[in-house]
Protein backbone atom coordinates (compact mmCIF):
# COMPACT_ATOMS: atom_id res chain seq x y z
CA MET A 1 13.11 -12.07 15.87
CA THR A 2 13.95 -14.92 18.25
CA GLU A 3 11.74 -17.98 17.90
CA PRO A 4 9.68 -18.35 21.12
CA ARG A 5 9.93 -21.50 23.16
CA ILE A 6 6.96 -23.81 22.77
CA ASN A 7 5.73 -27.02 24.39
CA ASP A 8 8.45 -29.08 26.13
CA ARG A 9 11.15 -26.49 25.40
CA ILE A 10 9.73 -24.38 28.24
CA ARG A 11 11.82 -25.47 31.21
CA VAL A 12 10.44 -23.74 34.32
CA PRO A 13 8.51 -25.22 37.25
CA GLU A 14 5.54 -22.85 37.05
CA VAL A 15 3.97 -20.58 34.45
CA ARG A 16 1.18 -18.02 34.26
CA LEU A 17 -1.24 -19.56 31.77
CA VAL A 18 -3.40 -17.61 29.31
CA GLY A 19 -6.21 -19.41 27.47
CA PRO A 20 -6.70 -19.43 23.66
CA GLU A 21 -9.23 -16.57 23.88
CA GLY A 22 -6.99 -14.45 26.13
CA GLU A 23 -8.63 -15.53 29.36
CA GLN A 24 -6.43 -15.65 32.45
CA VAL A 25 -6.19 -19.22 33.79
CA GLY A 26 -3.69 -18.43 36.53
CA ILE A 27 -0.40 -19.85 37.78
CA VAL A 28 -0.08 -23.58 37.15
CA SER A 29 2.75 -26.09 36.97
CA ILE A 30 4.43 -26.60 33.63
CA GLY A 31 3.20 -30.18 33.62
CA GLU A 32 -0.42 -29.07 34.06
CA ALA A 33 -0.02 -26.45 31.32
CA LEU A 34 1.37 -29.06 28.92
CA ARG A 35 -1.48 -31.43 29.75
CA LEU A 36 -4.06 -28.71 29.02
CA ALA A 37 -2.34 -27.95 25.73
CA GLN A 38 -2.40 -31.62 24.74
CA ASP A 39 -6.06 -32.03 25.73
CA SER A 40 -7.08 -28.99 23.67
CA GLU A 41 -4.79 -29.99 20.73
CA LEU A 42 -3.01 -26.64 20.93
CA ASP A 43 0.57 -25.47 21.46
CA LEU A 44 1.92 -24.00 24.67
CA VAL A 45 3.82 -20.85 23.60
CA GLU A 46 5.97 -18.67 25.86
CA VAL A 47 4.87 -15.06 25.21
CA ALA A 48 6.60 -13.23 28.09
CA PRO A 49 9.78 -15.10 29.09
CA MET A 50 11.09 -12.29 31.31
CA ALA A 51 8.00 -12.25 33.55
CA ARG A 52 8.09 -14.03 36.90
CA PRO A 53 6.70 -16.60 36.44
CA PRO A 54 6.89 -16.64 32.60
CA VAL A 55 3.64 -16.09 30.74
CA VAL A 56 2.55 -18.81 28.31
CA LYS A 57 -0.48 -19.05 26.05
CA LEU A 58 -2.47 -21.85 24.47
CA MET A 59 -2.63 -21.31 20.70
CA ASP A 60 -2.32 -22.91 17.29
CA TYR A 61 1.23 -21.72 16.67
CA GLY A 62 1.30 -22.76 13.00
CA LYS A 63 -1.84 -20.73 12.31
CA PHE A 64 -0.44 -17.81 14.31
CA LYS A 65 2.78 -17.73 12.25
CA TYR A 66 0.84 -17.95 8.98
CA GLU A 67 -1.46 -15.04 9.89
CA ALA A 68 1.52 -12.95 11.08
CA ALA A 69 3.32 -13.55 7.76
CA GLN A 70 0.17 -12.56 5.84
CA LYS A 71 -0.11 -9.29 7.80
CA GLU A 72 3.56 -8.50 7.21
CA ARG A 73 3.18 -9.11 3.47
CA GLU A 74 0.11 -6.87 3.37
CA ALA A 75 1.94 -4.12 5.26
CA ARG A 76 4.86 -4.26 2.80
CA ARG A 77 2.45 -4.13 -0.12
CA ASN A 78 0.78 -1.01 1.26
CA GLN A 79 4.06 0.82 1.90
CA THR A 80 4.83 3.73 -0.37
CA GLN A 81 7.86 2.84 -2.45
CA THR A 82 10.12 5.90 -2.67
CA VAL A 83 12.56 5.90 -5.58
CA ILE A 84 15.59 8.18 -5.78
CA LYS A 85 16.00 9.74 -9.21
CA GLU A 86 19.17 11.49 -10.28
CA MET A 87 19.67 14.70 -12.21
CA ARG A 88 23.09 15.99 -13.34
CA LEU A 89 23.87 19.66 -13.95
CA ARG A 90 26.88 21.45 -15.36
CA LEU A 91 28.14 24.47 -13.50
CA LYS A 92 27.86 26.67 -16.63
CA ILE A 93 24.43 25.44 -17.67
CA ASP A 94 22.52 27.63 -20.14
CA PRO A 95 18.99 28.88 -19.28
CA HIS A 96 17.21 26.51 -21.69
CA ASP A 97 18.94 23.41 -20.32
CA TYR A 98 18.30 24.60 -16.77
CA GLU A 99 14.56 24.89 -17.41
CA THR A 100 14.53 21.42 -19.02
CA LYS A 101 16.35 19.87 -16.06
CA LYS A 102 14.09 21.68 -13.61
CA GLY A 103 11.06 20.32 -15.45
CA HIS A 104 12.36 16.79 -14.94
CA VAL A 105 12.87 17.46 -11.22
CA VAL A 106 9.32 18.81 -10.94
CA ARG A 107 7.97 15.69 -12.65
CA PHE A 108 9.91 13.40 -10.31
CA LEU A 109 8.71 15.22 -7.19
CA LYS A 110 5.11 15.18 -8.38
CA GLY A 111 5.49 11.43 -8.83
CA GLY A 112 6.46 11.11 -5.16
CA ASP A 113 10.17 10.36 -5.82
CA LYS A 114 13.25 11.85 -4.22
CA VAL A 115 15.74 13.55 -6.53
CA LYS A 116 19.52 13.53 -6.16
CA ILE A 117 20.92 16.65 -7.82
CA THR A 118 24.57 16.50 -8.85
CA VAL A 119 26.59 19.50 -10.04
CA MET A 120 29.69 18.37 -11.95
CA PHE A 121 32.84 20.55 -11.89
CA ARG A 122 35.41 20.64 -14.68
CA GLY A 123 39.03 21.73 -14.40
CA ARG A 124 39.36 25.06 -12.63
CA GLU A 125 35.66 25.03 -11.72
CA GLN A 126 36.62 22.90 -8.70
CA SER A 127 38.09 26.03 -7.12
CA ARG A 128 34.65 27.72 -7.20
CA PRO A 129 32.41 25.44 -5.08
CA GLU A 130 30.32 28.43 -4.03
CA MET A 131 28.97 28.66 -7.60
CA GLY A 132 27.76 25.07 -7.44
CA TYR A 133 26.18 25.78 -4.06
CA ARG A 134 24.32 28.79 -5.46
CA LEU A 135 23.08 26.73 -8.42
CA LEU A 136 21.69 24.02 -6.15
CA GLN A 137 20.08 26.59 -3.85
CA ARG A 138 18.47 28.24 -6.88
CA LEU A 139 16.98 24.93 -8.00
CA ALA A 140 15.77 24.12 -4.48
CA GLY A 141 14.06 27.51 -4.33
CA ASP A 142 12.38 26.97 -7.70
CA VAL A 143 10.74 23.72 -6.56
CA THR A 144 10.10 24.64 -2.93
CA ASP A 145 6.33 24.20 -3.38
CA LEU A 146 6.85 20.53 -4.32
CA GLY A 147 9.78 19.39 -2.18
CA ILE A 148 12.22 20.19 0.59
CA VAL A 149 15.99 19.80 0.83
CA GLU A 150 16.57 16.51 2.64
CA SER A 151 20.36 16.55 2.26
CA ASN A 152 22.11 19.90 2.03
CA PRO A 153 24.69 20.50 -0.74
CA LYS A 154 28.03 18.87 0.01
CA GLN A 155 31.23 18.39 -1.93
CA ASP A 156 31.92 14.87 -3.19
CA GLY A 157 35.19 14.89 -5.14
CA ARG A 158 34.55 16.71 -8.42
CA ASN A 159 30.82 16.85 -7.74
CA MET A 160 28.48 18.62 -5.37
CA VAL A 161 25.40 16.68 -4.33
CA MET A 162 22.01 17.65 -2.86
CA VAL A 163 18.88 15.54 -2.28
CA ILE A 164 15.36 16.96 -2.55
CA ALA A 165 12.43 14.96 -1.15
CA PRO A 166 8.76 15.51 -1.99
CA HIS A 167 6.49 16.92 0.67
CA ARG A 168 4.82 14.19 2.72
CA ASN A 169 1.33 15.10 1.57
CA GLN A 170 2.59 15.02 -2.03
CA ALA A 171 3.90 11.46 -1.61
CA ALA A 172 0.69 10.40 0.14
CA GLN A 173 -1.45 11.87 -2.63
CA GLN A 174 0.62 10.05 -5.25
CA ALA A 175 0.22 6.77 -3.34
CA GLN A 176 -3.55 7.31 -3.25
CA ILE A 177 -3.60 7.97 -7.00
CA VAL A 178 -1.68 4.74 -7.63
CA GLU A 179 -4.09 2.78 -5.41
CA ARG A 180 -7.10 4.27 -7.19
CA LYS A 181 -5.60 3.36 -10.57
CA LYS A 182 -5.00 -0.22 -9.41
CA ALA A 183 -8.55 -0.51 -8.09
CA LYS A 184 -9.97 0.90 -11.33
CA ALA A 185 -7.88 -1.49 -13.41
CA ALA A 186 -9.04 -4.44 -11.32
CA GLU A 187 -12.65 -3.30 -11.65
CA ASN A 188 -12.34 -2.99 -15.42
CA ALA A 189 -10.69 -6.40 -15.65
CA GLY A 190 -13.57 -7.89 -13.67
CA GLU A 191 -16.13 -6.32 -15.97
CA GLU A 192 -14.35 -7.59 -19.08
CA SER A 193 -14.10 -11.14 -17.74
CA ALA A 194 -17.73 -11.31 -16.58
CA PRO A 195 -19.93 -13.40 -18.93
CA ALA A 196 -22.54 -11.53 -20.91
CA VAL A 197 -26.11 -12.18 -19.83
CA ASP A 198 -28.58 -12.64 -22.68
CA ALA A 199 -31.92 -10.90 -22.44
CA PRO A 200 -34.83 -13.30 -21.69
CA TYR A 201 -36.62 -14.53 -24.82
CA GLU A 202 -40.09 -13.13 -25.23
CA LYS A 203 -42.45 -14.78 -27.68
CA PRO A 204 -43.89 -12.18 -30.07
CA LEU A 205 -47.59 -11.63 -29.78
CA ALA A 206 -49.73 -12.92 -32.69
CA PRO A 207 -51.68 -10.24 -34.53
CA GLN A 208 -55.27 -10.07 -33.30
CA ALA A 209 -58.30 -9.68 -35.62
CA PRO A 210 -60.48 -6.64 -35.03
CA PRO A 211 -63.53 -7.38 -32.80
CA LYS A 212 -66.74 -8.39 -34.65
CA PRO A 213 -69.70 -5.95 -34.34
CA ALA A 214 -72.44 -7.08 -31.96
CA PRO A 215 -75.80 -8.20 -33.59
CA PRO A 216 -78.54 -5.52 -33.57
CA GLY A 217 -81.03 -5.61 -30.69
CA PRO A 218 -84.88 -5.85 -31.15
CA GLU A 219 -85.41 -2.10 -31.11
CA GLU A 220 -82.72 -1.50 -33.69
CA ALA A 221 -84.21 -4.31 -35.91
CA ASP A 222 -87.69 -2.69 -35.79
CA GLN A 223 -86.27 0.67 -36.74
CA ALA A 224 -84.45 -0.93 -39.64
């Protein structure tokens, strides 16, 4: 991205000036715009150089660049990182090995990763590329509920290569799971680091003697 012209690098006689809050000031001379920028202790930044006259804005350019860099970092942090895994197959693979390899592919796709499937040919097997194609198509069909073929099978020397990508909703769900795990870990870390709060001290009550009986009244004394 080209660095915009600011302050005295703007060399035009007139500009359309925009205030720091986005308010339209109007068309003024470049000298007047520079004076306003100096009075307000802001920068004069060219935001639309191709306009006639060019559009400039009063802003704190250092603060603007810092906030833009922060937003870009946050956007990169929130992006789903897609990793390409690789799985190699032999043309004459036995059923047990095939199921094992397929299980790995399923695990990769569930994790939100793409998988590059490579069928390796040996010797005379290179003359039977259709067998490698059928093997890759079989695998793609077995995992069709988890991923789609992003790159169709193609010959690459002694190998045949195909790429399977997870469904978009699958990748999004995996990203949400990762975010929830991160949030939970941060919450647990905060709970562990929080200082324990002691219960308030309460002074135990002293044992009280039983109440003394009231003295007898006159009538009760006469009866006695």
